[in-house]
Protein backbone atom coordinates (compact mmCIF):
# COMPACT_ATOMS: atom_id res chain seq x y z
CA MET A 1 -24.85 -3.23 34.40
CA ALA A 2 -22.65 -0.12 34.03
CA GLY A 3 -25.28 2.32 34.92
CA VAL A 4 -24.92 4.41 31.74
CA HIS A 5 -26.97 4.96 28.41
CA ARG A 6 -26.73 2.49 25.84
CA ALA A 7 -25.20 5.24 23.41
CA THR A 8 -22.33 5.66 26.01
CA VAL A 9 -21.72 1.86 25.69
CA ASP A 10 -21.85 2.12 21.90
CA LYS A 11 -19.12 4.76 21.98
CA VAL A 12 -16.76 2.49 24.36
CA LEU A 13 -17.33 -0.26 21.97
CA HIS A 14 -16.48 1.67 18.72
CA HIS A 15 -13.60 3.59 20.38
CA ARG A 16 -15.31 6.96 19.82
CA PRO A 17 -14.94 10.15 21.90
CA GLY A 18 -17.27 11.85 24.00
CA VAL A 19 -16.78 9.53 27.03
CA SER A 20 -14.80 10.26 30.23
CA ASP A 21 -11.66 8.33 31.07
CA ALA A 22 -13.56 7.06 34.21
CA VAL A 23 -16.63 5.82 32.47
CA ARG A 24 -14.69 4.33 29.54
CA SER A 25 -12.42 2.37 32.03
CA LYS A 26 -15.46 1.15 33.95
CA VAL A 27 -17.55 0.14 30.87
CA GLN A 28 -14.67 -1.51 29.38
CA ARG A 29 -13.95 -3.56 32.37
CA ILE A 30 -17.48 -4.92 32.43
CA ILE A 31 -17.18 -5.68 28.69
CA ASP A 32 -13.74 -7.54 29.49
CA GLU A 33 -15.48 -9.53 32.29
CA VAL A 34 -18.52 -10.62 30.42
CA ASP A 35 -16.67 -11.25 27.17
CA TYR A 36 -19.41 -9.07 25.43
CA GLU A 37 -19.49 -9.11 21.64
CA SER A 38 -21.86 -7.40 19.42
CA ASN A 39 -24.97 -9.15 18.05
CA ILE A 40 -23.72 -10.03 14.46
CA LEU A 41 -27.13 -11.57 13.50
CA GLY A 42 -28.65 -8.41 14.68
CA LYS A 43 -26.09 -6.20 12.52
CA ALA A 44 -26.72 -8.48 9.72
CA LEU A 45 -30.53 -8.01 9.80
CA LYS A 46 -29.90 -4.25 10.06
CA TYR A 47 -27.88 -3.91 7.15
CA GLN A 48 -30.12 -6.23 4.75
CA LYS A 49 -31.73 -3.18 3.55
CA GLN A 50 -29.00 -0.57 4.25
CA LYS A 51 -25.68 -0.86 2.36
CA ILE A 52 -22.56 -1.46 3.91
CA VAL A 53 -20.43 1.02 1.71
CA ILE A 54 -16.68 0.79 1.61
CA ALA A 55 -14.86 3.36 -0.37
CA ALA A 56 -11.60 2.59 -2.33
CA VAL A 57 -9.76 5.52 -3.32
CA LEU A 58 -6.75 4.00 -5.40
CA LEU A 59 -4.01 5.56 -7.80
CA GLU A 60 -3.85 5.06 -11.25
CA VAL A 61 -0.34 3.25 -11.26
CA ASP A 62 0.97 -0.15 -12.47
CA ALA A 63 -0.30 -1.80 -9.26
CA LEU A 64 -4.03 -0.66 -9.67
CA PRO A 65 -5.23 -3.67 -11.61
CA GLU A 66 -4.07 -6.24 -9.16
CA ILE A 67 -5.13 -4.57 -6.07
CA LYS A 68 -8.39 -4.02 -7.61
CA ARG A 69 -8.76 -7.64 -8.58
CA GLY A 70 -8.25 -8.45 -4.65
CA ILE A 71 -10.81 -6.02 -3.72
CA GLU A 72 -13.48 -7.75 -6.18
CA SER A 73 -12.75 -11.08 -4.78
CA ALA A 74 -13.27 -9.81 -1.37
CA TYR A 75 -16.58 -8.27 -2.54
CA GLN A 76 -17.61 -11.55 -3.80
CA ASP A 77 -17.02 -13.22 -0.27
CA PHE A 78 -18.97 -10.48 1.45
CA LYS A 79 -21.84 -9.34 -0.75
CA ASN A 80 -24.53 -11.34 0.85
CA PHE A 81 -23.91 -8.79 3.62
CA ASN A 82 -24.97 -5.96 1.25
CA VAL A 83 -21.78 -4.79 0.94
CA GLU A 84 -20.92 -2.28 -1.77
CA ILE A 85 -17.55 -1.07 -3.18
CA GLU A 86 -17.26 2.77 -4.43
CA TYR A 87 -14.37 3.31 -6.54
CA TYR A 88 -12.51 6.54 -6.71
CA ILE A 89 -9.41 6.46 -9.08
CA VAL A 90 -6.98 9.34 -8.95
CA LYS A 91 -4.07 10.06 -11.21
CA TYR A 92 -0.69 9.96 -9.62
CA GLY A 93 0.36 13.15 -8.59
CA GLU A 94 -3.19 14.69 -8.39
CA VAL A 95 -2.85 15.60 -4.57
CA GLY A 96 -5.85 18.11 -4.55
CA GLU A 97 -8.09 15.77 -5.92
CA GLN A 98 -7.29 12.87 -3.94
CA ALA A 99 -7.67 15.24 -0.88
CA ASP A 100 -11.08 16.38 -2.04
CA ILE A 101 -12.28 12.92 -2.42
CA LEU A 102 -11.19 12.12 1.09
CA ALA A 103 -12.75 15.17 2.43
CA LEU A 104 -16.14 14.40 0.85
CA LEU A 105 -16.07 10.77 2.09
CA ALA A 106 -15.61 12.12 5.68
CA LYS A 107 -19.29 13.85 5.24
CA LYS A 108 -20.83 10.37 3.84
CA GLU A 109 -22.04 7.55 5.94
CA CYS A 110 -19.65 4.50 4.74
CA ALA A 111 -18.35 1.64 6.87
CA GLY A 112 -14.51 2.52 5.78
CA VAL A 113 -12.10 3.82 3.45
CA ILE A 114 -9.34 2.16 1.50
CA VAL A 115 -6.81 4.61 0.32
CA SER A 116 -3.32 4.37 -1.35
CA PRO A 117 -2.36 7.88 0.07
CA MET A 118 0.10 10.47 -1.48
CA TYR A 119 2.61 12.17 0.77
CA HIS A 120 1.20 15.51 1.18
CA ASN A 121 -0.07 17.73 4.03
CA LEU A 122 -3.58 18.06 2.21
CA ILE A 123 -3.77 14.35 2.09
CA GLN A 124 -3.12 14.02 5.88
CA ASP A 125 -5.58 16.84 6.74
CA ALA A 126 -8.33 14.97 4.80
CA MET A 127 -7.19 11.77 6.44
CA LYS A 128 -7.67 13.68 9.84
CA LEU A 129 -11.16 14.50 8.88
CA LEU A 130 -11.94 11.00 8.17
CA HIS A 131 -10.72 10.04 11.69
CA GLN A 132 -12.71 12.86 13.24
CA ALA A 133 -15.78 11.56 11.50
CA ASN A 134 -15.08 7.99 12.95
CA ILE A 135 -14.62 6.41 9.53
CA PRO A 136 -11.80 3.86 9.65
CA VAL A 137 -9.15 4.17 7.13
CA VAL A 138 -6.94 1.27 5.69
CA THR A 139 -3.98 2.45 3.88
CA VAL A 140 -2.85 -0.16 1.05
CA ASN A 141 0.27 -0.70 -1.06
CA VAL A 142 1.57 2.68 0.24
CA ASP A 143 1.13 4.19 3.81
CA SER A 144 0.80 7.50 5.42
CA TYR A 145 3.26 9.34 7.36
CA ALA A 146 1.06 9.83 10.43
CA GLN A 147 -0.16 6.36 11.72
CA ILE A 148 -2.74 7.85 14.27
CA ASP A 149 -4.95 8.54 11.26
CA ARG A 150 -5.56 5.13 10.06
CA LEU A 151 -6.83 1.60 11.27
CA CYS A 152 -3.58 -0.17 9.65
CA PHE A 153 -1.47 -0.57 6.79
CA ILE A 154 -1.58 -3.52 4.33
CA GLY A 155 1.33 -3.88 2.07
CA GLN A 156 4.98 -4.57 1.64
CA ASP A 157 7.43 -4.23 4.56
CA MET A 158 9.55 -1.44 2.70
CA GLU A 159 12.48 -1.58 4.65
CA LYS A 160 12.89 -5.22 4.45
CA ALA A 161 12.27 -5.27 0.78
CA GLY A 162 15.09 -2.53 0.16
CA ALA A 163 17.46 -4.60 2.17
CA VAL A 164 16.47 -7.70 0.12
CA ALA A 165 16.93 -5.80 -3.15
CA ALA A 166 20.47 -4.59 -1.96
CA ARG A 167 21.67 -8.19 -1.02
CA MET A 168 20.41 -9.40 -4.41
CA MET A 169 21.87 -6.53 -6.33
CA ASP A 170 25.56 -7.23 -4.75
CA ILE A 171 25.13 -10.88 -5.68
CA PHE A 172 24.02 -10.25 -9.32
CA LEU A 173 26.87 -7.63 -9.71
CA HIS A 174 29.52 -10.00 -8.04
CA HIS A 175 30.12 -6.96 -5.58
CA ARG A 176 31.34 -4.55 -8.32
CA GLY A 177 29.28 -2.13 -10.59
CA ARG A 178 27.53 1.12 -11.17
CA VAL A 179 23.78 0.90 -10.38
CA ALA A 180 21.16 3.74 -11.45
CA ILE A 181 18.04 3.83 -9.38
CA ILE A 182 14.88 4.68 -11.15
CA GLY A 183 12.06 5.57 -8.52
CA SER A 184 9.12 7.76 -7.80
CA SER A 185 9.13 11.05 -6.05
CA ASP A 186 8.43 11.95 -2.45
CA GLU A 187 4.83 11.87 -3.13
CA LEU A 188 4.90 7.91 -2.53
CA LEU A 189 6.57 7.72 0.90
CA SER A 190 6.54 4.02 1.08
CA VAL A 191 8.04 3.54 -2.31
CA LYS A 192 10.81 6.21 -1.35
CA LYS A 193 11.51 3.83 1.80
CA ARG A 194 12.69 1.05 -0.64
CA GLU A 195 15.31 3.18 -1.99
CA LEU A 196 16.52 4.77 1.17
CA SER A 197 16.79 1.19 2.66
CA PHE A 198 18.54 -0.18 -0.45
CA ARG A 199 21.10 2.46 -0.18
CA ARG A 200 21.64 2.06 3.74
CA HIS A 201 21.98 -1.80 3.35
CA LEU A 202 24.11 -1.74 0.31
CA ALA A 203 26.54 0.67 2.17
CA MET A 204 26.78 -1.72 5.15
CA GLN A 205 27.99 -4.56 2.82
CA ARG A 206 31.62 -5.20 1.75
CA THR A 207 31.14 -4.36 -1.73
CA ASP A 208 32.31 -1.82 -4.53
CA VAL A 209 28.86 -1.18 -6.05
CA GLU A 210 28.63 2.68 -6.94
CA LEU A 211 25.20 4.30 -6.65
CA LEU A 212 24.45 6.92 -9.55
CA PRO A 213 22.13 9.91 -9.35
CA SER A 214 18.58 8.57 -9.04
CA ILE A 215 15.99 9.26 -11.67
CA ASP A 216 12.39 10.63 -10.41
CA THR A 217 9.83 8.99 -13.08
CA LYS A 218 6.79 10.58 -11.29
CA GLU A 219 5.20 7.29 -12.47
CA ASN A 220 4.98 8.70 -15.87
CA PRO A 221 5.71 6.13 -18.67
CA VAL A 222 7.03 8.81 -21.17
CA LEU A 223 9.18 10.38 -18.48
CA ALA A 224 10.40 6.85 -17.42
CA PHE A 225 11.38 6.04 -21.06
CA SER A 226 13.36 9.23 -21.80
CA GLU A 227 15.25 9.40 -18.45
CA THR A 228 16.17 5.71 -18.54
CA LEU A 229 17.67 6.30 -21.97
CA ARG A 230 19.35 9.51 -20.96
CA VAL A 231 21.02 7.79 -17.76
CA ILE A 232 22.15 4.73 -19.82
CA ASN A 233 23.87 6.86 -22.45
CA GLN A 234 25.23 9.46 -19.96
CA TYR A 235 26.57 7.28 -17.08
CA GLY A 236 26.89 3.72 -18.68
CA PRO A 237 25.42 1.67 -15.53
CA ASN A 238 25.78 -1.87 -14.96
CA ALA A 239 22.40 -2.28 -13.35
CA LEU A 240 19.07 -0.60 -12.91
CA PHE A 241 17.45 -0.59 -9.79
CA ILE A 242 13.42 0.07 -10.09
CA THR A 243 11.65 1.07 -7.03
CA GLY A 244 8.23 1.86 -8.33
CA GLY A 245 6.22 1.38 -11.45
CA CYS A 246 6.87 2.00 -15.17
CA VAL A 247 8.89 -1.11 -15.39
CA PRO A 248 7.76 -1.81 -19.19
CA GLU A 249 8.89 1.55 -20.30
CA VAL A 250 12.22 1.20 -18.58
CA CYS A 251 12.82 -2.20 -19.92
CA ARG A 252 11.80 -0.59 -23.59
CA ALA A 253 14.41 1.92 -23.03
CA VAL A 254 17.10 -0.63 -22.36
CA LYS A 255 16.18 -2.39 -25.41
CA VAL A 256 16.51 0.65 -27.42
CA SER A 257 19.90 1.49 -25.85
CA GLY A 258 21.22 -1.96 -27.00
CA ARG A 259 22.32 -2.68 -23.33
CA GLU A 260 20.30 -5.80 -22.69
CA ASP A 261 23.47 -6.88 -20.59
CA LEU A 262 22.14 -4.59 -17.70
CA VAL A 263 21.04 -6.09 -14.49
CA ILE A 264 17.61 -5.30 -13.69
CA ILE A 265 15.86 -5.64 -10.16
CA CYS A 266 12.37 -4.35 -9.61
CA PHE A 267 9.21 -4.94 -7.61
CA GLU A 268 5.91 -6.97 -7.87
CA ARG A 269 5.00 -9.52 -10.50
CA TYR A 270 2.55 -8.18 -12.99
CA PRO A 271 1.89 -10.08 -16.16
CA GLU A 272 4.23 -7.63 -17.89
CA ILE A 273 7.08 -8.40 -15.41
CA GLU A 274 6.57 -11.90 -15.60
CA ALA A 275 6.98 -11.75 -19.34
CA PHE A 276 10.32 -9.68 -18.89
CA LEU A 277 11.67 -12.29 -16.40
CA LYS A 278 10.97 -15.40 -18.84
CA ASP A 279 12.99 -13.50 -21.61
CA GLY A 280 15.90 -12.71 -19.34
CA MET A 281 15.32 -8.97 -19.43
CA ILE A 282 14.67 -8.73 -15.65
CA ASP A 283 16.88 -10.56 -13.57
CA CYS A 284 14.84 -10.38 -10.27
CA THR A 285 11.63 -9.06 -8.79
CA ILE A 286 10.56 -8.74 -5.20
CA SER A 287 6.99 -9.40 -4.93
CA SER A 288 4.24 -8.83 -2.11
CA ASP A 289 1.15 -10.32 -3.59
CA LEU A 290 -0.80 -7.11 -4.58
CA VAL A 291 -4.13 -9.12 -4.90
CA LEU A 292 -3.80 -10.11 -1.17
CA GLN A 293 -3.44 -6.44 -0.36
CA GLY A 294 -6.72 -5.56 -1.86
CA TYR A 295 -8.54 -8.54 -0.45
CA GLU A 296 -7.15 -7.99 2.90
CA SER A 297 -8.04 -4.28 2.99
CA VAL A 298 -11.59 -5.00 2.40
CA LYS A 299 -11.58 -7.84 5.17
CA THR A 300 -10.20 -5.63 7.70
CA ILE A 301 -12.37 -2.87 7.10
CA PHE A 302 -15.57 -5.38 7.16
CA GLU A 303 -14.51 -7.29 10.12
CA PHE A 304 -13.99 -3.96 12.23
CA PHE A 305 -17.33 -2.77 11.28
CA MET A 306 -19.39 -5.81 11.55
CA TYR A 307 -17.52 -7.80 14.35
CA ASP A 308 -15.54 -4.81 16.05
CA ARG A 309 -12.37 -6.41 15.46
CA GLN A 310 -9.29 -4.50 15.70
CA PRO A 311 -6.39 -5.55 13.47
CA LYS A 312 -3.85 -7.41 15.35
CA GLN A 313 -0.93 -5.32 14.21
CA ASP A 314 -0.39 -1.63 13.10
CA ALA A 315 0.84 -2.85 9.81
CA ILE A 316 -0.16 -6.21 8.13
CA TYR A 317 2.91 -6.95 5.78
CA MET A 318 2.54 -9.24 2.89
CA PRO A 319 5.34 -12.06 2.46
CA ILE A 320 8.33 -11.00 0.42
CA GLY A 321 8.88 -13.20 -2.43
CA ILE A 322 12.08 -13.34 -4.44
CA VAL A 323 11.01 -14.11 -8.00
CA LEU A 324 13.58 -15.44 -10.58
CA ARG A 325 12.84 -16.89 -14.06
CA GLU A 326 13.63 -20.36 -12.42
CA ASN A 327 10.87 -19.94 -9.98
CA LEU A 328 8.01 -18.31 -11.87
C-alpha cells in the first residue's frame, strides 16, 4: 500500500532510523488509517525456538531481592513465550563494570535491558550504545539523567516521596528539632532527588526543624554504621532521615548509641524494615512496591517487543504508601 519495501515498514513500526521523514510520515499515515498491528501469533511461532532474552543489570543494594522477586514473577507469566532472563548483578560504586556490561549487551541480540543505572558519564555513554543498537532500555528503581536513551522509568516519584517525607518529619517532630540526613552519593541520582525534595519542602513549611550535615554511606553497611554513630554523638540529632539503603545498620548504630528516642523515617518496606516498624525503632517508611517495579519492567519490555506497545508515560510511578506500625 505504501509502495515501499517490507523492511522500510518494519523500521517505521519499530521506530528505527534509516527512513526519510517523508516516507516515515507516509507509512505511518497508512498504519493509522488501517489500524495495523503486528501478527502476534506469527511472532509467537517465530520465537518458539528462538529465545526472547531480557537482560537485567541490577545493583547489589537492599532493594535487589524485592525487585528480583518481581522479575521472577513476570518470568513465570511470560515463560511460555520462550522468555529468558539474564541477570548481571553489579556492586554499588562499580561504575566501570556496569558500563562494560551495558556496552557488551549492545552487541548481543536481546529483546531489551532492565537497568538500575549509576549516575556517571560512562553509564550514559553505554546506554547510548544500546539506543543506537535499537535495544529498548527500561530503568528501574533509579533513573538515568538523560531520558532520550531509555524507553521509560519504573519506580518511585522521588520528588513527591521527598515532599511526603518532609511533611511526615515535621509532624513527628512537632515542628521543632534537628535532623541528620543519611543517604547515598550522587551516583544514585534518583535517591539524591529524595533528599533535595525533602530539603526544599521542609524549608517551605512553617517549622523550626534544623537540618544537620548529611552523611554519604555509599551504600556501605560498615560505613553507614560508623557514620551514623559519629553523627549521633557529635550533633545530638532528634531525628534521622534515611534516603537510601543500609537501614538495618543505621538502626543498629542507634541502639548502640542508646538514642532509641530518635525519630527515624526511611523508604521501602523490606522484611527488616517491617520488623523495625513493629518494635518501634522506625517511625515511618515511605514505600513504592519494589516487587511491582520488577514485574512491570519485564512486562513493559515484553509488550514493546511482542506487541510494539509503547509505554503510556515516560515514567511509570508506583503508588506512594505511608507505612506506620499501625497499618502494617
